[in-house]
PDB file of N, CA and C in Angstrom:
ATOM      1  N   MET A   1     -11.332   3.370 -30.950  1.00  0.00           N
ATOM      2  CA  MET A   1     -12.278   2.905 -30.751  1.00  0.00           C
ATOM      3  C   MET A   1     -13.454   3.245 -32.458  1.00  0.00           C
ATOM      4  N   LYS A   2     -14.054   2.106 -32.804  1.00  0.00           N
ATOM      5  CA  LYS A   2     -14.241   2.447 -34.276  1.00  0.00           C
ATOM      6  C   LYS A   2     -16.086   2.533 -33.715  1.00  0.00           C
ATOM      7  N   ALA A   3     -16.600   3.756 -34.457  1.00  0.00           N
ATOM      8  CA  ALA A   3     -17.962   3.996 -34.041  1.00  0.00           C
ATOM      9  C   ALA A   3     -19.230   2.877 -34.015  1.00  0.00           C
ATOM     10  N   GLU A   4     -18.702   2.044 -34.902  1.00  0.00           N
ATOM     11  CA  GLU A   4     -19.768   0.994 -35.233  1.00  0.00           C
ATOM     12  C   GLU A   4     -19.587  -0.087 -33.514  1.00  0.00           C
ATOM     13  N   ASN A   5     -18.214  -0.046 -32.763  1.00  0.00           N
ATOM     14  CA  ASN A   5     -18.090  -0.787 -31.744  1.00  0.00           C
ATOM     15  C   ASN A   5     -19.152  -0.205 -30.463  1.00  0.00           C
ATOM     16  N   ALA A   6     -19.385   1.197 -30.671  1.00  0.00           N
ATOM     17  CA  ALA A   6     -19.934   1.765 -29.197  1.00  0.00           C
ATOM     18  C   ALA A   6     -21.170   1.461 -29.483  1.00  0.00           C
ATOM     19  N   VAL A   7     -21.933   1.484 -30.540  1.00  0.00           N
ATOM     20  CA  VAL A   7     -23.511   0.958 -30.140  1.00  0.00           C
ATOM     21  C   VAL A   7     -23.791  -0.063 -29.740  1.00  0.00           C
ATOM     22  N   THR A   8     -24.901   0.543 -28.848  1.00  0.00           N
ATOM     23  CA  THR A   8     -25.407  -0.002 -28.093  1.00  0.00           C
ATOM     24  C   THR A   8     -26.770  -1.105 -28.631  1.00  0.00           C
ATOM     25  N   THR A   9     -26.603  -2.223 -28.992  1.00  0.00           N
ATOM     26  CA  THR A   9     -28.157  -3.071 -29.602  1.00  0.00           C
ATOM     27  C   THR A   9     -29.177  -3.216 -28.646  1.00  0.00           C
ATOM     28  N   ALA A  10     -30.441  -3.797 -29.332  1.00  0.00           N
ATOM     29  CA  ALA A  10     -31.580  -4.293 -28.463  1.00  0.00           C
ATOM     30  C   ALA A  10     -31.006  -5.544 -27.071  1.00  0.00           C
ATOM     31  N   SER A  11     -30.271  -6.127 -27.816  1.00  0.00           N
ATOM     32  CA  SER A  11     -30.109  -7.360 -27.178  1.00  0.00           C
ATOM     33  C   SER A  11     -28.836  -6.763 -26.184  1.00  0.00           C
ATOM     34  N   ASP A  12     -27.951  -5.951 -26.314  1.00  0.00           N
ATOM     35  CA  ASP A  12     -27.245  -5.457 -25.188  1.00  0.00           C
ATOM     36  C   ASP A  12     -27.983  -5.180 -24.139  1.00  0.00           C
ATOM     37  N   ALA A  13     -28.999  -4.219 -24.358  1.00  0.00           N
ATOM     38  CA  ALA A  13     -30.402  -3.428 -23.129  1.00  0.00           C
ATOM     39  C   ALA A  13     -30.829  -4.588 -22.428  1.00  0.00           C
ATOM     40  N   ARG A  14     -31.598  -5.961 -23.392  1.00  0.00           N
ATOM     41  CA  ARG A  14     -32.000  -7.050 -22.709  1.00  0.00           C
ATOM     42  C   ARG A  14     -31.055  -7.659 -21.500  1.00  0.00           C
ATOM     43  N   SER A  15     -29.793  -7.490 -21.464  1.00  0.00           N
ATOM     44  CA  SER A  15     -28.878  -8.360 -20.712  1.00  0.00           C
ATOM     45  C   SER A  15     -28.569  -7.461 -19.775  1.00  0.00           C
ATOM     46  N   GLN A  16     -28.891  -6.157 -19.409  1.00  0.00           N
ATOM     47  CA  GLN A  16     -28.744  -5.267 -18.029  1.00  0.00           C
ATOM     48  C   GLN A  16     -29.463  -6.142 -17.234  1.00  0.00           C
ATOM     49  N   PRO A  17     -28.893  -6.187 -15.890  1.00  0.00           N
ATOM     50  CA  PRO A  17     -29.256  -7.060 -14.766  1.00  0.00           C
ATOM     51  C   PRO A  17     -30.840  -6.176 -14.312  1.00  0.00           C
ATOM     52  N   ASP A  18     -31.506  -6.799 -13.920  1.00  0.00           N
ATOM     53  CA  ASP A  18     -32.969  -6.333 -13.061  1.00  0.00           C
ATOM     54  C   ASP A  18     -33.659  -5.880 -14.521  1.00  0.00           C
ATOM     55  N   GLY A  19     -33.394  -5.954 -15.763  1.00  0.00           N
ATOM     56  CA  GLY A  19     -34.171  -5.295 -16.775  1.00  0.00           C
ATOM     57  C   GLY A  19     -33.547  -3.705 -16.778  1.00  0.00           C
ATOM     58  N   ALA A  20     -32.847  -3.554 -16.495  1.00  0.00           N
ATOM     59  CA  ALA A  20     -32.466  -1.819 -16.010  1.00  0.00           C
ATOM     60  C   ALA A  20     -32.059  -1.308 -17.744  1.00  0.00           C
ATOM     61  N   ARG A  21     -32.657  -0.493 -17.915  1.00  0.00           N
ATOM     62  CA  ARG A  21     -32.593   0.552 -19.244  1.00  0.00           C
ATOM     63  C   ARG A  21     -31.311   1.282 -19.133  1.00  0.00           C
ATOM     64  N   PRO A  22     -30.542   0.958 -19.893  1.00  0.00           N
ATOM     65  CA  PRO A  22     -29.276   2.034 -19.929  1.00  0.00           C
ATOM     66  C   PRO A  22     -29.354   3.266 -20.501  1.00  0.00           C
ATOM     67  N   ASP A  23     -30.691   3.470 -21.204  1.00  0.00           N
ATOM     68  CA  ASP A  23     -30.902   4.959 -21.755  1.00  0.00           C
ATOM     69  C   ASP A  23     -31.578   5.780 -20.509  1.00  0.00           C
ATOM     70  N   LEU A  24     -31.899   5.334 -19.461  1.00  0.00           N
ATOM     71  CA  LEU A  24     -32.741   5.922 -18.435  1.00  0.00           C
ATOM     72  C   LEU A  24     -31.819   7.080 -18.042  1.00  0.00           C
ATOM     73  N   SER A  25     -30.331   6.928 -18.065  1.00  0.00           N
ATOM     74  CA  SER A  25     -29.730   8.286 -17.655  1.00  0.00           C
ATOM     75  C   SER A  25     -29.381   9.549 -18.343  1.00  0.00           C
ATOM     76  N   ASN A  26     -30.393   9.229 -19.408  1.00  0.00           N
ATOM     77  CA  ASN A  26     -30.592  10.303 -20.480  1.00  0.00           C
ATOM     78  C   ASN A  26     -31.380  11.293 -20.052  1.00  0.00           C
ATOM     79  N   THR A  27     -31.346  12.590 -20.041  1.00  0.00           N
ATOM     80  CA  THR A  27     -32.502  13.608 -19.616  1.00  0.00           C
ATOM     81  C   THR A  27     -33.457  13.431 -20.664  1.00  0.00           C
ATOM     82  N   ASN A  28     -33.417  12.820 -21.442  1.00  0.00           N
ATOM     83  CA  ASN A  28     -34.528  13.151 -22.808  1.00  0.00           C
ATOM     84  C   ASN A  28     -35.827  11.694 -22.417  1.00  0.00           C
ATOM     85  N   ILE A  29     -35.514  10.932 -21.542  1.00  0.00           N
ATOM     86  CA  ILE A  29     -36.722   9.778 -21.210  1.00  0.00           C
ATOM     87  C   ILE A  29     -36.932  10.115 -19.497  1.00  0.00           C
ATOM     88  N   ARG A  30     -38.187  10.080 -19.559  1.00  0.00           N
ATOM     89  CA  ARG A  30     -39.166   9.879 -18.722  1.00  0.00           C
ATOM     90  C   ARG A  30     -38.737   8.501 -17.875  1.00  0.00           C
ATOM     91  N   GLU A  31     -38.565   8.569 -16.564  1.00  0.00           N
ATOM     92  CA  GLU A  31     -38.403   7.687 -15.722  1.00  0.00           C
ATOM     93  C   GLU A  31     -39.892   6.853 -15.368  1.00  0.00           C
ATOM     94  N   ASP A  32     -40.565   7.333 -15.207  1.00  0.00           N
ATOM     95  CA  ASP A  32     -41.812   6.827 -14.739  1.00  0.00           C
ATOM     96  C   ASP A  32     -42.805   6.315 -15.729  1.00  0.00           C
ATOM     97  N   LEU A  33     -42.437   6.683 -16.837  1.00  0.00           N
ATOM     98  CA  LEU A  33     -43.003   6.347 -18.077  1.00  0.00           C
ATOM     99  C   LEU A  33     -42.331   4.765 -18.449  1.00  0.00           C
ATOM    100  N   ALA A  34     -40.901   4.953 -18.469  1.00  0.00           N
ATOM    101  CA  ALA A  34     -39.955   3.774 -18.781  1.00  0.00           C
ATOM    102  C   ALA A  34     -40.191   3.120 -18.103  1.00  0.00           C
ATOM    103  N   GLY A  35     -40.114   3.105 -16.720  1.00  0.00           N
ATOM    104  CA  GLY A  35     -40.866   2.116 -15.673  1.00  0.00           C
ATOM    105  C   GLY A  35     -41.958   1.217 -15.877  1.00  0.00           C
ATOM    106  N   GLN A  36     -42.760   1.890 -16.607  1.00  0.00           N
ATOM    107  CA  GLN A  36     -44.003   0.969 -17.353  1.00  0.00           C
ATOM    108  C   GLN A  36     -43.969   0.469 -18.344  1.00  0.00           C
ATOM    109  N   GLY A  37     -42.340   0.344 -18.970  1.00  0.00           N
ATOM    110  CA  GLY A  37     -42.229  -0.507 -20.115  1.00  0.00           C
ATOM    111  C   GLY A  37     -42.814   0.158 -21.510  1.00  0.00           C
ATOM    112  N   ARG A  38     -42.397   1.490 -21.453  1.00  0.00           N
ATOM    113  CA  ARG A  38     -42.729   2.373 -22.340  1.00  0.00           C
ATOM    114  C   ARG A  38     -41.699   3.356 -23.038  1.00  0.00           C
ATOM    115  N   CYS A  39     -41.929   3.384 -24.163  1.00  0.00           N
ATOM    116  CA  CYS A  39     -40.563   4.216 -24.813  1.00  0.00           C
ATOM    117  C   CYS A  39     -40.130   5.302 -23.968  1.00  0.00           C
ATOM    118  N   ALA A  40     -41.022   6.201 -23.549  1.00  0.00           N
ATOM    119  CA  ALA A  40     -40.417   7.331 -22.935  1.00  0.00           C
ATOM    120  C   ALA A  40     -39.979   8.478 -23.432  1.00  0.00           C
ATOM    121  N   LEU A  41     -39.296   8.112 -24.461  1.00  0.00           N
ATOM    122  CA  LEU A  41     -38.657   9.356 -25.394  1.00  0.00           C
ATOM    123  C   LEU A  41     -39.255  10.878 -25.236  1.00  0.00           C
ATOM    124  N   VAL A  42     -38.871  11.714 -24.665  1.00  0.00           N
ATOM    125  CA  VAL A  42     -39.528  13.201 -24.570  1.00  0.00           C
ATOM    126  C   VAL A  42     -38.589  13.797 -25.979  1.00  0.00           C
ATOM    127  N   HIS A  43     -39.681  14.641 -26.530  1.00  0.00           N
ATOM    128  CA  HIS A  43     -39.387  15.591 -27.859  1.00  0.00           C
ATOM    129  C   HIS A  43     -38.608  17.216 -26.973  1.00  0.00           C
ATOM    130  N   LEU A  44     -37.805  17.432 -26.447  1.00  0.00           N
ATOM    131  CA  LEU A  44     -37.069  18.308 -25.658  1.00  0.00           C
ATOM    132  C   LEU A  44     -37.732  19.666 -26.290  1.00  0.00           C
ATOM    133  N   PRO A  45     -37.933  20.214 -27.343  1.00  0.00           N
ATOM    134  CA  PRO A  45     -38.306  21.458 -27.998  1.00  0.00           C
ATOM    135  C   PRO A  45     -39.859  21.597 -27.806  1.00  0.00           C
ATOM    136  N   THR A  46     -40.776  20.303 -27.541  1.00  0.00           N
ATOM    137  CA  THR A  46     -42.140  20.655 -27.155  1.00  0.00           C
ATOM    138  C   THR A  46     -42.614  20.212 -25.654  1.00  0.00           C
ATOM    139  N   GLY A  47     -41.918  18.851 -25.161  1.00  0.00           N
ATOM    140  CA  GLY A  47     -42.188  18.370 -23.998  1.00  0.00           C
ATOM    141  C   GLY A  47     -43.419  17.036 -24.330  1.00  0.00           C
ATOM    142  N   ARG A  48     -43.597  17.090 -25.368  1.00  0.00           N
ATOM    143  CA  ARG A  48     -44.266  15.743 -25.851  1.00  0.00           C
ATOM    144  C   ARG A  48     -43.627  14.652 -25.599  1.00  0.00           C
ATOM    145  N   THR A  49     -44.276  13.806 -25.281  1.00  0.00           N
ATOM    146  CA  THR A  49     -43.658  12.290 -25.113  1.00  0.00           C
ATOM    147  C   THR A  49     -44.542  10.915 -25.479  1.00  0.00           C
ATOM    148  N   CYS A  50     -43.450   9.925 -25.867  1.00  0.00           N
ATOM    149  CA  CYS A  50     -43.661   9.242 -26.458  1.00  0.00           C
ATOM    150  C   CYS A  50     -44.027   7.969 -25.740  1.00  0.00           C
ATOM    151  N   LEU A  51     -45.379   7.455 -25.762  1.00  0.00           N
ATOM    152  CA  LEU A  51     -46.051   6.628 -25.035  1.00  0.00           C
ATOM    153  C   LEU A  51     -46.365   5.163 -25.659  1.00  0.00           C
ATOM    154  N   LEU A  52     -45.623   5.061 -26.591  1.00  0.00           N
ATOM    155  CA  LEU A  52     -45.547   3.410 -27.180  1.00  0.00           C
ATOM    156  C   LEU A  52     -44.758   2.300 -26.500  1.00  0.00           C
ATOM    157  N   PRO A  53     -44.964   1.266 -26.535  1.00  0.00           N
ATOM    158  CA  PRO A  53     -43.972   0.489 -26.125  1.00  0.00           C
ATOM    159  C   PRO A  53     -42.530   0.322 -26.271  1.00  0.00           C
ATOM    160  N   LEU A  54     -41.774   0.055 -25.304  1.00  0.00           N
ATOM    161  CA  LEU A  54     -40.048   0.007 -25.546  1.00  0.00           C
ATOM    162  C   LEU A  54     -40.059  -0.736 -26.846  1.00  0.00           C
ATOM    163  N   ARG A  55     -38.920  -0.342 -27.449  1.00  0.00           N
ATOM    164  CA  ARG A  55     -38.546  -0.904 -28.747  1.00  0.00           C
ATOM    165  C   ARG A  55     -39.615  -0.813 -30.054  1.00  0.00           C
ATOM    166  N   HIS A  56     -40.564  -0.218 -30.006  1.00  0.00           N
ATOM    167  CA  HIS A  56     -41.897  -0.209 -30.698  1.00  0.00           C
ATOM    168  C   HIS A  56     -40.832   0.015 -32.312  1.00  0.00           C
ATOM    169  N   HIS A  57     -41.872  -0.445 -33.178  1.00  0.00           N
ATOM    170  CA  HIS A  57     -41.593  -0.596 -34.369  1.00  0.00           C
ATOM    171  C   HIS A  57     -41.875   1.080 -34.760  1.00  0.00           C
ATOM    172  N   GLY A  58     -41.310   1.729 -35.883  1.00  0.00           N
ATOM    173  CA  GLY A  58     -41.670   3.108 -36.558  1.00  0.00           C
ATOM    174  C   GLY A  58     -41.294   4.001 -35.916  1.00  0.00           C
ATOM    175  N   PRO A  59     -41.715   5.222 -36.071  1.00  0.00           N
ATOM    176  CA  PRO A  59     -41.325   6.183 -35.343  1.00  0.00           C
ATOM    177  C   PRO A  59     -42.616   6.259 -34.214  1.00  0.00           C
ATOM    178  N   CYS A  60     -42.031   7.647 -33.157  1.00  0.00           N
ATOM    179  CA  CYS A  60     -42.593   7.642 -31.929  1.00  0.00           C
ATOM    180  C   CYS A  60     -43.649   8.324 -32.312  1.00  0.00           C
ATOM    181  N   GLU A  61     -44.700   8.299 -31.655  1.00  0.00           N
ATOM    182  CA  GLU A  61     -45.843   8.777 -31.490  1.00  0.00           C
ATOM    183  C   GLU A  61     -46.144  10.008 -30.319  1.00  0.00           C
ATOM    184  N   PHE A  62     -45.607  11.100 -30.188  1.00  0.00           N
ATOM    185  CA  PHE A  62     -45.729  11.875 -29.200  1.00  0.00           C
ATOM    186  C   PHE A  62     -46.797  12.863 -28.851  1.00  0.00           C
ATOM    187  N   HIS A  63     -47.207  12.682 -27.428  1.00  0.00           N
ATOM    188  CA  HIS A  63     -48.291  13.069 -26.776  1.00  0.00           C
ATOM    189  C   HIS A  63     -47.888  14.227 -25.591  1.00  0.00           C
ATOM    190  N   ARG A  64     -48.797  14.820 -25.784  1.00  0.00           N
ATOM    191  CA  ARG A  64     -49.073  16.215 -25.038  1.00  0.00           C
ATOM    192  C   ARG A  64     -48.855  15.852 -23.403  1.00  0.00           C
ATOM    193  N   PRO A  65     -47.794  16.892 -22.441  1.00  0.00           N
ATOM    194  CA  PRO A  65     -47.354  16.476 -21.328  1.00  0.00           C
ATOM    195  C   PRO A  65     -48.820  15.989 -20.256  1.00  0.00           C
ATOM    196  N   GLN A  66     -49.784  16.195 -20.658  1.00  0.00           N
ATOM    197  CA  GLN A  66     -50.998  16.250 -19.665  1.00  0.00           C
ATOM    198  C   GLN A  66     -51.235  14.920 -19.694  1.00  0.00           C
ATOM    199  N   GLU A  67     -51.097  14.324 -21.363  1.00  0.00           N
ATOM    200  CA  GLU A  67     -51.546  13.094 -21.214  1.00  0.00           C
ATOM    201  C   GLU A  67     -50.612  11.977 -20.781  1.00  0.00           C
ATOM    202  N   ALA A  68     -49.579  12.221 -20.976  1.00  0.00           N
ATOM    203  CA  ALA A  68     -48.260  11.688 -20.510  1.00  0.00           C
ATOM    204  C   ALA A  68     -48.297  11.667 -18.848  1.00  0.00           C
ATOM    205  N   ASP A  69     -48.729  12.567 -18.293  1.00  0.00           N
ATOM    206  CA  ASP A  69     -48.640  12.484 -16.940  1.00  0.00           C
ATOM    207  C   ASP A  69     -50.031  11.765 -16.561  1.00  0.00           C
ATOM    208  N   ASP A  70     -51.047  11.818 -17.174  1.00  0.00           N
ATOM    209  CA  ASP A  70     -51.939  10.921 -16.830  1.00  0.00           C
ATOM    210  C   ASP A  70     -51.658   9.216 -16.903  1.00  0.00           C
ATOM    211  N   VAL A  71     -51.276   8.732 -18.182  1.00  0.00           N
ATOM    212  CA  VAL A  71     -50.821   7.698 -18.512  1.00  0.00           C
ATOM    213  C   VAL A  71     -49.874   7.398 -17.093  1.00  0.00           C
ATOM    214  N   ALA A  72     -49.093   8.179 -16.529  1.00  0.00           N
ATOM    215  CA  ALA A  72     -48.089   7.716 -15.717  1.00  0.00           C
ATOM    216  C   ALA A  72     -48.657   7.353 -14.400  1.00  0.00           C
ATOM    217  N   ALA A  73     -49.402   7.921 -14.073  1.00  0.00           N
ATOM    218  CA  ALA A  73     -50.095   8.032 -12.677  1.00  0.00           C
ATOM    219  C   ALA A  73     -51.471   7.297 -13.089  1.00  0.00           C
ATOM    220  N   GLY A  74     -51.783   6.448 -13.927  1.00  0.00           N
ATOM    221  CA  GLY A  74     -52.645   5.322 -14.298  1.00  0.00           C
ATOM    222  C   GLY A  74     -54.093   5.963 -14.348  1.00  0.00           C
ATOM    223  N   ARG A  75     -54.172   7.168 -14.762  1.00  0.00           N
ATOM    224  CA  ARG A  75     -55.563   7.715 -14.841  1.00  0.00           C
ATOM    225  C   ARG A  75     -56.172   7.688 -16.023  1.00  0.00           C
ATOM    226  N   ALA A  76     -55.220   7.474 -17.113  1.00  0.00           N
ATOM    227  CA  ALA A  76     -55.455   7.209 -18.446  1.00  0.00           C
ATOM    228  C   ALA A  76     -54.568   5.839 -19.080  1.00  0.00           C
ATOM    229  N   THR A  77     -55.289   5.488 -20.435  1.00  0.00           N
ATOM    230  CA  THR A  77     -54.586   4.567 -21.105  1.00  0.00           C
ATOM    231  C   THR A  77     -54.442   5.102 -22.721  1.00  0.00           C
ATOM    232  N   VAL A  78     -53.632   4.781 -23.355  1.00  0.00           N
ATOM    233  CA  VAL A  78     -53.010   4.914 -24.858  1.00  0.00           C
ATOM    234  C   VAL A  78     -54.024   4.350 -25.864  1.00  0.00           C
ATOM    235  N   ALA A  79     -54.676   5.156 -26.759  1.00  0.00           N
ATOM    236  CA  ALA A  79     -55.491   4.669 -27.939  1.00  0.00           C
ATOM    237  C   ALA A  79     -54.838   3.473 -28.190  1.00  0.00           C
ATOM    238  N   GLY A  80     -55.417   2.485 -28.515  1.00  0.00           N
ATOM    239  CA  GLY A  80     -55.249   1.305 -28.970  1.00  0.00           C
ATOM    240  C   GLY A  80     -54.584   0.006 -28.348  1.00  0.00           C
ATOM    241  N   GLU A  81     -54.247   0.517 -26.982  1.00  0.00           N
ATOM    242  CA  GLU A  81     -54.210  -0.732 -25.765  1.00  0.00           C
ATOM    243  C   GLU A  81     -54.836  -1.538 -25.291  1.00  0.00           C
TER     244      GLU A  81
END
């Protein structure tokens, strides 16, 4: 199999049943935040989490673990929302 055939595109992810995200099986994605429609990518060396919307343009913006916990619990929002 060629490498270019193995790449999952954004349209592939949209066609998942019930809006399921194929990347949820990755250990560097926070399920609680991903379920809220966020990128939820965790920078493993620092524990910081991207709180931008899923499939955002540009680089991730990583926030402290406490900020991510607050957003996941609904106690805070991300600036600019």
